[in-house]
Every structure is written in structure tokens, then in C-alpha cells.
Amino acid sequence: MESRYLVRVSLLTLTSAVLSAALPVGQDAQLGTDDQHFAEQYLQRFYKMKQGRGAGSNVLSEKVKEMQTFFKLNVTGSLDAETMEVMKKPRCGVPDVARYQVFSDRAKWTVNPVSYRIVNYTPDLTTQEVDNAIDAALKVWSDVIPLTFRKTTDLTADILISFAAGEHGDFSPFDGPSGTLAHAFSPGSGLGGDAHFDEDERWSTTSKGFNLFLVAAHEFGHALGLDHSSDPSALMYPTYKYVDTTGFVLPSDDVKGIQSLYGKPTASPATTTTATTSKAPVKSTAAAHPGCDPNLTLDAVAYLGSDLLFFKGSAVWRKRQNGSVVREPLSARFSCPLTNVDAAYDYRGATYLFKNTDMIMWLKEQGDKYKPYQLNISYFGFPRTVRKIDAAVHIAATGKTLFFVGDQYYRFNQKTSTMELRSTIKEDFPGIGSKVDAAFQMSGKTYLSSGPYLYEYDLNNRRVVSTQRNSALLAC
């Protein structure tokens, strides 16, 4: 089923001459090279047209007709103005497929309730506004089928909801403002049921920008197992259209589709008193390689020389420049009484480890030998109330070191040895929640770890660039 998997689209390298010869262009549409590229990408992504020169004009024309038929346009097989206008509308990132049909192997949830977790929040709205929109969007569906939803903070929730921009770890990168708004995966383990929203869009609770409730309700249709509908009045229609959300009622086409999967609501709604997590947890390979546990959380990350170190409990993973990963006891790497560390960062060849109010600075002396120097964190100018540092990272471009403490962070100027700023994580690092467990820079990029997730973060534009699991960096 096409909606189960999203197709990653690569940029075409065809020349303008080849495109002009291959694409069927209507007499009323004078397409430039950019529009030609766009149209071909669109058909590849949403109608499974093959890439490259092998796709002749007949194939292109047939795919255009397929798209025109779906959207109930005048079927010409040409890229006329009306067709291009529909292609350019903001829409869902899931491919377009035939209308609802019932198949014996159709994916659907077989558990009740279905749990969901909001992994992070968009800075466009308050946390409460996002919570309300997501809750209302799920209720649209639970009102018409015998299925309920339960919010949880469990990492193995059935549906994980997140906001991210560009490439974000599922091989279906977002394309910037006003293109693909969001996408979701049909029921299943792993990515199954998950819904991703493009952080480059302007999310709202009104008609301005894109209404989160409307887009989320659409995506949750996919998360429940529905494909797109060609009925323009349906919620599952591929393109975005704002409608008044006051007293929103699910259109009949959507009701028919979802009830073909789950049936009608029962007289006695299914109980939700048993708080079980039904999504099959990702199988852990922790016994063979603890770093491959998909739910791995990190204590700290920092460089020691050319090796990138990942700290977890009494162990440390050492990732060499050649990509190999070695796990060893913390005591074998650092000849000090530390049984675990709270935070770490590297600066000018030295590696700083933190445990409670103690800091041990490791300076390189000869060869691969390092000598420890112990200080108190008061050296940095923290208030006396700070008794533990959660994460730290030195930003080479600014010469500043960031310390994360609870839901706050501090900025320390290494050159002047002064503490410059204290602020909240949620305010200055939107999109990652209110706590950072570990932080580091690699190849000029900044990474922040929170729970099992690792966020590449754009400090200048204050946004999440991509999201992956911590274990992804440990050769898993």
C-alpha cells in the first residue's frame, strides 16, 4: 500500500533541453526550467514515476493523466495551467493513491487504547495550544470508531509526534515553507503511526499560516491506516484548505473510510483504564552492543584528542576517526575515582568532565597521555544553587561555552572567563523540549541530546535541522 512508505525524492540532474523534449506541456502553460523540474519531482514523489531519462514522454503523459484524474481536472496529459496550479498547492507528503478500499492485509491498529507522545513542540505556538490541537485532532477520529487514544511520555508510544525541518531521519526530508506540510506513516512498529510536521511552516490555531489542528487531523488519518481521498470535501484530500474549525465534524467520506477499517463506535466505549503501551518496542540489542539500544540515553559527549567519547554510566564509547567504536570502562580511560559523569565538553585540546560540583580538566601532556586537574564549578561563576550540570558544549565559532542545568542554560565566555547569560532552554532552543542531557559539536555542527533523541540544531536560526536516535552515531 503506497501510504505505508514515504518515498525519498532526489533532485533531478536532467538538462533543460531534455526536460523540454520529454515533458508534455499544454499550449496554455509556458513552463520554465524550474517548473519543469518541479512537475517531474511532483510526479515522482506522489505518483511513483520513475526518475531519469528512461521515462519517455508517453510515461510522463500517463502520469500527468493519473494526477489529473485523481484531482478531477480536465484530463489532457499535458502540464497546463490548471494542473500546475494544483501541483503547487501546499499539501501532505504522503503519495496519492486510489480511494478507500478494504484489503485483507490493510494496516490498522489492533490495540486499544493507542498511545501517543509529543516528542517536541513548535515555537510558533504555546505548549498548551499544541496539546489542545493534537488532542482535538485525534478526537475527530475516536468520535466515529471504537478506538481511543492515550497521551504518554513513554518512549515506545504507538504514535510519536514531532516537529522538524529538512532532513530529519526518515529518508523523506521536508522541502521548506509552503510545500510539503507534514507526513505520517500507517500503523506498525518502528516509524509506524508516527507523524512529522515541517518546522519551516508557520503553525497556527487560526486561518493564518497553517492550522495545526486541520493538518494534524489529516495526518492522523494516515496514522490510522487511511490513504488520500479524491473527494475535495474530505479531510483526507491531499492539498491543504482552511475551513472553520469551530465544531468541526468529520466529512462523510472520511467517516466511511475509517469505519471500513475499524467499524462503528460501540454502545459501551472500549475501556482505557489499563495503561499499557501497545507499540511493539524496537528490539534492543543492548546485550550484544549496549550502544545499539534504540532507547539509549547519554550522560555526556566530548572529544578527547581525535576520539569522540560517549559517556553512559560507568562506561564510555570511544569513536575513532575511522568510524570504529570501542566500549571500555570509564576507569580504564580516565584514572580518577569517577564512576560516572554528569556532563563533559572539550576546549583547546582539554577535556572537561563534571560530577556534581566537581570538574576535572584533562590536559594532554605527551603522546596520548593526559593529566587531570581538579576544580570546583564555582570557577565558572555559577550561583551556589547550581549543584549539578546536565550538559555542556563549547561553540567554536563564538568562543562561548553553553551549560545546561535543569530547564535553564548558562553562557560562559572562555576568553574573558565570565558568565554572560542565564536563560531558559525552551525560550532559546525551541523544538527540543526543556531539558538537554548531552551536547557536542562535530564537523562544525551542533548536536543536542534529549532522552533517546539526538537533534542537530541550527543555533543561528534557533531550529531543529534533523532528528535521529542517539544510537545512530555508535555504528548501529
Protein backbone atom coordinates (compact mmCIF):
# COMPACT_ATOMS: atom_id res chain seq x y z
CA MET A 1 0.00 0.00 0.00
CA GLU A 2 1.52 3.29 -1.11
CA SER A 3 0.73 5.22 2.05
CA ARG A 4 2.76 2.87 4.22
CA TYR A 5 6.03 4.11 2.97
CA LEU A 6 7.19 7.56 2.01
CA VAL A 7 9.46 7.86 -0.99
CA ARG A 8 12.64 9.89 -0.76
CA VAL A 9 12.90 12.23 -3.72
CA SER A 10 16.28 13.12 -5.23
CA LEU A 11 16.93 16.28 -7.20
CA LEU A 12 16.98 15.74 -10.92
CA THR A 13 20.05 16.50 -13.00
CA LEU A 14 18.34 16.49 -16.38
CA THR A 15 19.21 19.38 -18.63
CA SER A 16 16.67 21.94 -19.75
CA ALA A 17 16.75 20.60 -23.28
CA VAL A 18 15.93 17.05 -22.21
CA LEU A 19 13.11 18.22 -19.98
CA SER A 20 11.63 20.42 -22.66
CA ALA A 21 11.56 17.50 -25.04
CA ALA A 22 10.21 14.99 -22.55
CA LEU A 23 7.55 16.85 -20.63
CA PRO A 24 4.10 17.21 -22.18
CA VAL A 25 3.35 20.92 -21.88
CA GLY A 26 -0.07 22.34 -22.65
CA GLN A 27 -0.46 25.25 -25.07
CA ASP A 28 -1.75 27.47 -22.27
CA ALA A 29 1.24 26.88 -20.00
CA GLN A 30 4.66 28.24 -20.86
CA LEU A 31 6.81 26.34 -18.36
CA GLY A 32 10.26 27.48 -17.34
CA THR A 33 13.02 25.05 -16.35
CA ASP A 34 12.19 25.35 -12.65
CA ASP A 35 8.53 24.48 -13.24
CA GLN A 36 9.52 21.54 -15.40
CA HIS A 37 11.79 20.20 -12.68
CA PHE A 38 9.09 20.76 -10.10
CA ALA A 39 6.44 18.90 -12.12
CA GLU A 40 8.66 15.90 -12.65
CA GLN A 41 9.65 15.77 -8.99
CA TYR A 42 5.99 16.01 -8.03
CA LEU A 43 5.03 13.06 -10.22
CA GLN A 44 7.95 11.02 -8.92
CA ARG A 45 7.07 11.67 -5.33
CA PHE A 46 3.30 11.35 -5.39
CA TYR A 47 2.64 9.12 -8.43
CA LYS A 48 5.69 6.82 -8.45
CA MET A 49 7.00 7.98 -11.80
CA LYS A 50 10.49 6.61 -12.41
CA GLN A 51 13.41 9.04 -12.41
CA GLY A 52 15.86 9.74 -15.19
CA ARG A 53 15.94 9.73 -18.95
CA GLY A 54 14.33 6.31 -19.19
CA ALA A 55 10.91 7.83 -18.63
CA GLY A 56 9.67 8.79 -22.08
CA SER A 57 7.03 11.36 -22.95
CA ASN A 58 4.32 8.66 -23.01
CA VAL A 59 5.10 7.68 -19.42
CA LEU A 60 5.11 11.30 -18.37
CA SER A 61 1.83 11.97 -20.10
CA GLU A 62 0.22 8.92 -18.45
CA LYS A 63 1.35 10.05 -15.01
CA VAL A 64 0.00 13.54 -15.65
CA LYS A 65 -3.32 11.97 -16.64
CA GLU A 66 -3.29 9.89 -13.46
CA MET A 67 -2.79 13.02 -11.38
CA GLN A 68 -5.45 14.94 -13.31
CA THR A 69 -7.92 12.10 -12.86
CA PHE A 70 -7.29 11.96 -9.12
CA PHE A 71 -7.89 15.69 -8.69
CA LYS A 72 -10.87 15.65 -11.10
CA LEU A 73 -9.17 18.01 -13.54
CA ASN A 74 -9.57 18.13 -17.29
CA VAL A 75 -7.63 15.00 -18.35
CA THR A 76 -5.28 16.17 -21.11
CA GLY A 77 -1.98 14.52 -20.20
CA SER A 78 -0.40 17.96 -20.54
CA LEU A 79 1.03 20.25 -17.89
CA ASP A 80 -1.49 23.00 -18.41
CA ALA A 81 -2.02 25.96 -16.11
CA GLU A 82 -4.78 24.28 -14.08
CA THR A 83 -2.60 21.21 -13.45
CA MET A 84 0.42 23.25 -12.40
CA GLU A 85 -1.73 25.30 -10.04
CA VAL A 86 -2.85 22.16 -8.19
CA MET A 87 0.70 20.78 -8.08
CA LYS A 88 1.92 23.94 -6.37
CA LYS A 89 -0.63 23.91 -3.58
CA PRO A 90 0.64 23.16 -0.03
CA ARG A 91 -0.08 19.52 0.69
CA CYS A 92 0.58 16.34 2.62
CA GLY A 93 3.78 14.43 1.87
CA VAL A 94 2.13 11.01 1.54
CA PRO A 95 1.73 9.72 -2.08
CA ASP A 96 -1.71 9.90 -3.69
CA VAL A 97 -3.47 6.55 -4.06
CA ALA A 98 -6.89 5.23 -5.03
CA ARG A 99 -9.89 5.88 -2.86
CA TYR A 100 -10.64 3.76 0.15
CA GLN A 101 -10.73 0.05 -0.50
CA VAL A 102 -10.77 -2.76 2.02
CA PHE A 103 -7.91 -5.25 1.73
CA SER A 104 -7.34 -8.25 3.99
CA ASP A 105 -3.81 -7.06 4.81
CA ARG A 106 -4.73 -3.40 5.33
CA ALA A 107 -2.69 -1.93 8.17
CA LYS A 108 -4.64 -0.86 11.23
CA TRP A 109 -4.17 -0.74 14.98
CA THR A 110 -5.19 -3.90 16.79
CA VAL A 111 -4.69 -2.41 20.26
CA ASN A 112 -6.89 -0.11 22.29
CA PRO A 113 -6.11 2.47 23.52
CA VAL A 114 -3.48 3.71 21.08
CA SER A 115 -0.79 5.68 22.93
CA TYR A 116 0.84 8.83 21.60
CA ARG A 117 3.72 11.04 22.64
CA ILE A 118 4.55 14.60 21.57
CA VAL A 119 8.31 14.42 21.21
CA ASN A 120 8.90 18.17 20.82
CA TYR A 121 6.97 21.39 20.26
CA THR A 122 6.91 24.10 17.61
CA PRO A 123 7.94 27.57 18.83
CA ASP A 124 5.05 29.03 16.78
CA LEU A 125 2.54 28.01 19.46
CA THR A 126 2.42 27.55 23.19
CA THR A 127 2.75 24.05 24.60
CA GLN A 128 -0.91 24.14 25.61
CA GLU A 129 -2.02 25.19 22.13
CA VAL A 130 -0.14 22.28 20.58
CA ASP A 131 -1.53 19.85 23.17
CA ASN A 132 -5.07 21.06 22.53
CA ALA A 133 -4.73 20.85 18.73
CA ILE A 134 -3.32 17.32 18.85
CA ASP A 135 -5.96 16.15 21.32
CA ALA A 136 -8.78 17.64 19.22
CA ALA A 137 -7.35 16.15 16.00
CA LEU A 138 -7.29 12.66 17.49
CA LYS A 139 -10.79 13.08 18.91
CA VAL A 140 -12.12 13.74 15.40
CA TRP A 141 -11.38 10.07 14.66
CA SER A 142 -12.12 8.48 18.04
CA ASP A 143 -15.62 10.00 17.93
CA VAL A 144 -16.57 7.80 14.96
CA ILE A 145 -14.76 4.49 15.65
CA PRO A 146 -14.38 2.16 18.67
CA LEU A 147 -10.81 3.34 19.33
CA THR A 148 -9.40 5.67 21.97
CA PHE A 149 -6.08 7.47 22.41
CA ARG A 150 -3.90 7.93 25.47
CA LYS A 151 -1.18 10.55 25.86
CA THR A 152 2.04 9.30 27.41
CA THR A 153 5.70 10.20 27.91
CA ASP A 154 6.68 6.60 27.20
CA LEU A 155 9.43 6.35 24.57
CA THR A 156 7.69 3.35 22.98
CA ALA A 157 4.37 5.10 22.39
CA ASP A 158 2.45 3.88 19.36
CA ILE A 159 2.39 7.31 17.70
CA LEU A 160 5.34 9.69 18.02
CA ILE A 161 4.57 13.28 17.03
CA SER A 162 7.42 15.65 16.21
CA PHE A 163 8.35 18.92 14.51
CA ALA A 164 11.49 19.11 12.35
CA ALA A 165 12.85 20.85 9.27
CA GLY A 166 14.66 19.46 6.24
CA GLU A 167 16.24 16.04 6.63
CA HIS A 168 15.02 14.52 9.89
CA GLY A 169 15.98 10.87 9.86
CA ASP A 170 13.18 9.11 7.96
CA PHE A 171 14.53 9.47 4.37
CA SER A 172 11.71 11.86 3.48
CA PRO A 173 13.13 15.37 4.02
CA PHE A 174 10.86 18.38 4.21
CA ASP A 175 11.20 21.00 1.49
CA GLY A 176 10.92 24.35 3.24
CA PRO A 177 7.94 26.71 3.58
CA SER A 178 4.61 26.13 1.83
CA GLY A 179 5.45 22.85 0.09
CA THR A 180 5.00 19.59 1.92
CA LEU A 181 3.47 20.43 5.30
CA ALA A 182 3.66 17.09 7.09
CA HIS A 183 3.60 13.35 6.61
CA ALA A 184 2.69 10.27 8.61
CA PHE A 185 3.18 6.52 8.47
CA SER A 186 0.49 3.86 8.57
CA PRO A 187 0.11 1.64 11.68
CA GLY A 188 3.03 -0.58 12.64
CA SER A 189 6.20 -0.81 14.69
CA GLY A 190 9.21 1.47 14.35
CA LEU A 191 8.11 4.54 12.36
CA GLY A 192 4.61 3.09 12.02
CA GLY A 193 1.95 5.57 13.11
CA ASP A 194 4.45 8.42 13.59
CA ALA A 195 3.54 11.92 12.37
CA HIS A 196 6.11 14.57 11.40
CA PHE A 197 5.37 18.27 10.90
CA ASP A 198 7.58 20.67 8.95
CA GLU A 199 9.03 23.24 11.34
CA ASP A 200 9.68 25.58 8.41
CA GLU A 201 5.93 26.20 8.20
CA ARG A 202 4.13 28.80 10.28
CA TRP A 203 1.78 26.84 12.52
CA SER A 204 -1.31 28.48 13.98
CA THR A 205 -4.68 27.87 15.59
CA THR A 206 -6.42 30.21 13.14
CA SER A 207 -6.63 30.77 9.38
CA LYS A 208 -3.19 32.40 9.32
CA GLY A 209 -0.28 30.23 8.27
CA PHE A 210 -1.29 26.58 8.52
CA ASN A 211 -3.82 25.43 11.07
CA LEU A 212 -2.19 22.71 13.17
CA PHE A 213 -5.49 21.03 14.07
CA LEU A 214 -6.51 20.57 10.41
CA VAL A 215 -3.12 19.28 9.28
CA ALA A 216 -2.77 17.01 12.32
CA ALA A 217 -6.25 15.55 11.87
CA HIS A 218 -5.36 14.73 8.25
CA GLU A 219 -2.05 13.11 9.22
CA PHE A 220 -3.69 11.05 11.96
CA GLY A 221 -5.95 9.63 9.26
CA HIS A 222 -2.79 8.18 7.69
CA ALA A 223 -1.52 7.08 11.12
CA LEU A 224 -4.76 5.09 11.46
CA GLY A 225 -4.39 3.44 8.05
CA LEU A 226 -6.18 5.69 5.53
CA ASP A 227 -4.92 6.74 2.12
CA HIS A 228 -5.74 10.01 0.38
CA SER A 229 -9.23 10.70 -0.92
CA SER A 230 -10.04 12.35 -4.24
CA ASP A 231 -13.17 13.92 -2.73
CA PRO A 232 -12.39 17.66 -2.40
CA SER A 233 -14.66 17.92 0.65
CA ALA A 234 -12.82 15.14 2.53
CA LEU A 235 -10.33 15.76 5.32
CA MET A 236 -8.07 13.21 3.60
CA TYR A 237 -7.88 15.25 0.40
CA PRO A 238 -4.13 15.75 -0.31
CA THR A 239 -3.96 19.56 -0.52
CA TYR A 240 -4.42 21.99 2.34
CA LYS A 241 -7.54 24.12 2.58
CA TYR A 242 -8.55 26.09 5.63
CA VAL A 243 -12.06 25.55 6.98
CA ASP A 244 -13.64 26.89 10.12
CA THR A 245 -12.59 24.55 12.92
CA THR A 246 -15.36 25.56 15.32
CA GLY A 247 -17.45 22.46 15.94
CA PHE A 248 -15.56 20.60 13.22
CA VAL A 249 -17.35 17.45 12.05
CA LEU A 250 -15.55 14.72 10.11
CA PRO A 251 -16.85 14.66 6.49
CA SER A 252 -18.86 11.63 5.43
CA ASP A 253 -16.19 10.35 3.00
CA ASP A 254 -13.67 10.15 5.84
CA VAL A 255 -16.19 8.51 8.18
CA LYS A 256 -16.90 5.86 5.56
CA GLY A 257 -13.19 5.21 5.06
CA ILE A 258 -12.21 4.92 8.71
CA GLN A 259 -15.24 2.80 9.63
CA SER A 260 -14.35 0.37 6.83
CA LEU A 261 -11.23 -0.34 8.88
CA TYR A 262 -12.42 -0.15 12.49
CA GLY A 263 -16.19 -0.33 12.39
CA LYS A 264 -18.66 1.95 14.13
CA PRO A 265 -18.45 3.05 17.78
CA THR A 266 -19.79 0.51 20.24
CA ALA A 267 -22.54 1.35 22.70
CA SER A 268 -20.06 0.89 25.51
CA PRO A 269 -16.79 2.55 24.54
CA ALA A 270 -13.66 0.50 24.97
CA THR A 271 -12.10 1.00 28.38
CA THR A 272 -8.87 2.95 28.66
CA THR A 273 -8.17 2.14 32.30
CA THR A 274 -5.32 -0.24 31.51
CA ALA A 275 -2.37 1.97 30.72
CA THR A 276 -0.38 -0.36 28.50
CA THR A 277 2.00 0.62 25.75
CA SER A 278 0.94 -1.37 22.75
CA LYS A 279 3.51 -0.47 20.14
CA ALA A 280 5.97 -3.30 19.78
CA PRO A 281 9.12 -1.81 21.32
CA VAL A 282 12.07 -1.68 19.00
CA LYS A 283 14.06 -4.79 19.77
CA SER A 284 17.06 -3.93 21.91
CA THR A 285 20.45 -5.33 21.02
CA ALA A 286 21.84 -3.98 24.28
CA ALA A 287 23.15 -7.38 25.36
CA ALA A 288 25.47 -7.58 22.34
CA HIS A 289 26.12 -3.88 21.90
CA PRO A 290 24.56 -1.61 24.55
CA GLY A 291 25.09 1.41 22.35
CA CYS A 292 22.65 -0.02 19.83
CA ASP A 293 19.74 0.16 22.24
CA PRO A 294 17.26 2.44 20.37
CA ASN A 295 16.18 3.90 23.72
CA LEU A 296 19.74 4.75 24.75
CA THR A 297 20.15 7.99 26.71
CA LEU A 298 23.54 9.64 27.10
CA ASP A 299 25.20 11.23 30.12
CA ALA A 300 27.71 13.30 28.16
CA VAL A 301 29.63 13.58 24.87
CA ALA A 302 33.01 15.23 24.26
CA TYR A 303 36.21 14.86 22.31
CA LEU A 304 39.42 13.52 23.86
CA GLY A 305 42.05 14.23 21.26
CA SER A 306 40.63 12.99 17.94
CA ASP A 307 38.30 10.45 19.58
CA LEU A 308 34.66 11.31 20.26
CA LEU A 309 33.60 9.92 23.63
CA PHE A 310 30.05 8.94 24.58
CA PHE A 311 29.57 8.60 28.34
CA LYS A 312 26.94 6.31 29.84
CA GLY A 313 27.08 5.19 33.46
CA SER A 314 30.42 3.55 34.27
CA ALA A 315 31.26 3.01 30.60
CA VAL A 316 32.42 5.13 27.70
CA TRP A 317 32.24 4.51 23.95
CA ARG A 318 35.23 5.80 22.02
CA LYS A 319 34.51 6.59 18.37
CA ARG A 320 37.68 6.88 16.31
CA GLN A 321 38.17 8.93 13.16
CA ASN A 322 37.84 5.79 11.02
CA GLY A 323 34.32 5.27 12.38
CA SER A 324 35.12 2.26 14.60
CA VAL A 325 33.60 2.22 18.07
CA VAL A 326 35.17 0.71 21.19
CA ARG A 327 33.43 0.39 24.56
CA GLU A 328 35.51 0.42 27.72
CA PRO A 329 35.15 1.11 31.44
CA LEU A 330 35.32 4.76 32.41
CA SER A 331 38.10 3.92 34.86
CA ALA A 332 40.24 2.49 32.04
CA ARG A 333 40.11 5.72 30.07
CA PHE A 334 40.31 8.16 33.00
CA SER A 335 42.50 7.38 36.02
CA CYS A 336 40.25 9.10 38.52
CA PRO A 337 37.64 8.00 41.08
CA LEU A 338 34.69 8.94 38.85
CA THR A 339 32.10 6.16 38.49
CA ASN A 340 30.06 8.24 36.05
CA VAL A 341 29.91 11.82 34.74
CA ASP A 342 27.10 14.38 34.53
CA ALA A 343 28.47 16.47 31.68
CA ALA A 344 31.55 16.99 29.53
CA TYR A 345 32.97 19.31 26.88
CA ASP A 346 36.22 19.92 25.05
CA TYR A 347 38.10 23.19 24.54
CA ARG A 348 41.54 23.87 23.07
CA GLY A 349 42.79 20.32 23.49
CA ALA A 350 41.49 19.91 27.03
CA THR A 351 38.52 17.77 28.05
CA TYR A 352 36.36 18.85 30.99
CA LEU A 353 34.38 16.27 32.99
CA PHE A 354 31.73 17.23 35.55
CA LYS A 355 30.32 15.33 38.50
CA ASN A 356 28.09 17.21 40.93
CA THR A 357 30.08 20.35 41.85
CA ASP A 358 33.46 18.94 40.81
CA MET A 359 35.18 19.50 37.49
CA ILE A 360 38.22 17.56 36.29
CA MET A 361 40.15 19.12 33.43
CA TRP A 362 42.24 16.67 31.41
CA LEU A 363 45.21 18.30 29.67
CA LYS A 364 47.30 16.49 27.08
CA GLU A 365 50.98 16.19 28.01
CA GLN A 366 52.96 13.66 25.97
CA GLY A 367 51.69 11.34 23.25
CA ASP A 368 48.30 10.03 24.32
CA LYS A 369 48.83 10.81 28.00
CA TYR A 370 46.56 13.25 29.78
CA LYS A 371 46.97 14.76 33.25
CA PRO A 372 43.96 15.66 35.42
CA TYR A 373 43.45 18.95 37.26
CA GLN A 374 40.51 19.20 39.65
CA LEU A 375 38.47 22.38 40.20
CA ASN A 376 35.06 23.36 41.56
CA ILE A 377 32.32 24.53 39.20
CA SER A 378 32.32 27.83 41.10
CA TYR A 379 35.26 28.64 38.83
CA PHE A 380 32.72 29.39 36.10
CA GLY A 381 30.67 31.75 38.25
CA PHE A 382 27.59 29.60 38.74
CA PRO A 383 25.22 30.61 41.53
CA ARG A 384 25.51 28.48 44.66
CA THR A 385 22.16 26.87 43.89
CA VAL A 386 23.70 25.01 40.95
CA ARG A 387 24.83 21.63 42.28
CA LYS A 388 24.88 19.64 39.05
CA ILE A 389 25.41 20.34 35.34
CA ASP A 390 23.38 18.28 32.87
CA ALA A 391 25.25 19.06 29.65
CA ALA A 392 27.90 21.35 28.21
CA VAL A 393 29.28 22.25 24.79
CA HIS A 394 31.84 24.75 23.56
CA ILE A 395 30.79 26.66 20.44
CA ALA A 396 33.98 27.22 18.49
CA ALA A 397 32.53 29.96 16.26
CA THR A 398 31.66 32.21 19.21
CA GLY A 399 34.22 31.21 21.81
CA LYS A 400 31.37 30.63 24.25
CA THR A 401 30.53 27.51 26.25
CA LEU A 402 26.92 26.59 26.95
CA PHE A 403 25.98 24.86 30.21
CA PHE A 404 22.57 23.22 30.55
CA VAL A 405 21.17 22.98 34.07
CA GLY A 406 17.62 21.68 34.54
CA ASP A 407 15.34 23.74 32.30
CA GLN A 408 17.87 26.59 32.08
CA TYR A 409 21.17 27.22 30.37
CA TYR A 410 24.18 29.47 31.02
CA ARG A 411 26.61 31.01 28.54
CA PHE A 412 30.25 31.28 29.59
CA ASN A 413 32.85 33.37 27.75
CA GLN A 414 36.04 31.31 27.72
CA LYS A 415 38.19 34.26 26.61
CA THR A 416 37.15 36.60 29.44
CA SER A 417 36.27 33.85 31.95
CA THR A 418 32.93 35.46 32.66
CA MET A 419 29.40 34.09 32.84
CA GLU A 420 27.40 36.22 30.39
CA LEU A 421 23.88 34.89 30.25
CA ARG A 422 21.27 32.80 32.01
CA SER A 423 18.05 31.92 30.23
CA THR A 424 15.57 29.08 29.68
CA ILE A 425 16.10 26.20 27.25
CA LYS A 426 12.52 26.32 25.98
CA GLU A 427 12.81 30.02 25.11
CA ASP A 428 16.20 29.99 23.38
CA PHE A 429 16.22 26.43 21.98
CA PRO A 430 12.68 25.92 20.66
CA GLY A 431 11.85 22.49 19.36
CA ILE A 432 13.80 20.27 21.77
CA GLY A 433 11.75 20.49 24.95
CA SER A 434 13.06 21.84 28.25
CA LYS A 435 15.96 19.53 29.10
CA VAL A 436 19.28 18.65 27.48
CA ASP A 437 21.16 15.52 28.59
CA ALA A 438 24.29 15.88 26.45
CA ALA A 439 25.69 18.28 23.86
CA PHE A 440 28.63 18.43 21.48
CA GLN A 441 29.91 19.83 18.18
CA MET A 442 31.05 17.64 15.29
CA SER A 443 32.19 18.82 11.86
CA GLY A 444 31.04 22.34 12.71
CA LYS A 445 27.51 21.22 13.56
CA THR A 446 25.88 21.40 17.00
CA TYR A 447 24.09 18.38 18.45
CA LEU A 448 21.82 18.31 21.49
CA SER A 449 20.67 15.05 23.07
CA SER A 450 17.39 14.81 24.99
CA GLY A 451 16.09 11.41 26.03
CA PRO A 452 16.86 8.86 23.27
CA TYR A 453 16.87 11.55 20.57
CA LEU A 454 19.76 13.48 19.07
CA TYR A 455 18.92 16.83 17.48
CA GLU A 456 21.14 18.65 15.00
CA TYR A 457 20.48 22.25 15.96
CA ASP A 458 20.87 25.48 13.98
CA LEU A 459 21.99 27.98 16.64
CA ASN A 460 21.70 30.99 14.33
CA ASN A 461 18.10 30.33 13.27
CA ARG A 462 17.13 28.59 16.53
CA ARG A 463 15.57 25.50 14.97
CA VAL A 464 15.94 21.73 14.76
CA VAL A 465 17.58 20.70 11.49
CA SER A 466 17.25 16.93 11.87
CA THR A 467 16.43 14.28 14.44
CA GLN A 468 17.81 10.79 14.96
CA ARG A 469 18.35 8.38 17.82
CA ASN A 470 21.50 8.55 19.95
CA SER A 471 22.43 5.03 18.89
CA ALA A 472 22.80 6.15 15.26
CA LEU A 473 26.25 7.58 16.00
CA LEU A 474 27.51 4.38 17.60
CA ALA A 475 27.85 2.31 14.40
CA CYS A 476 24.37 0.82 14.78
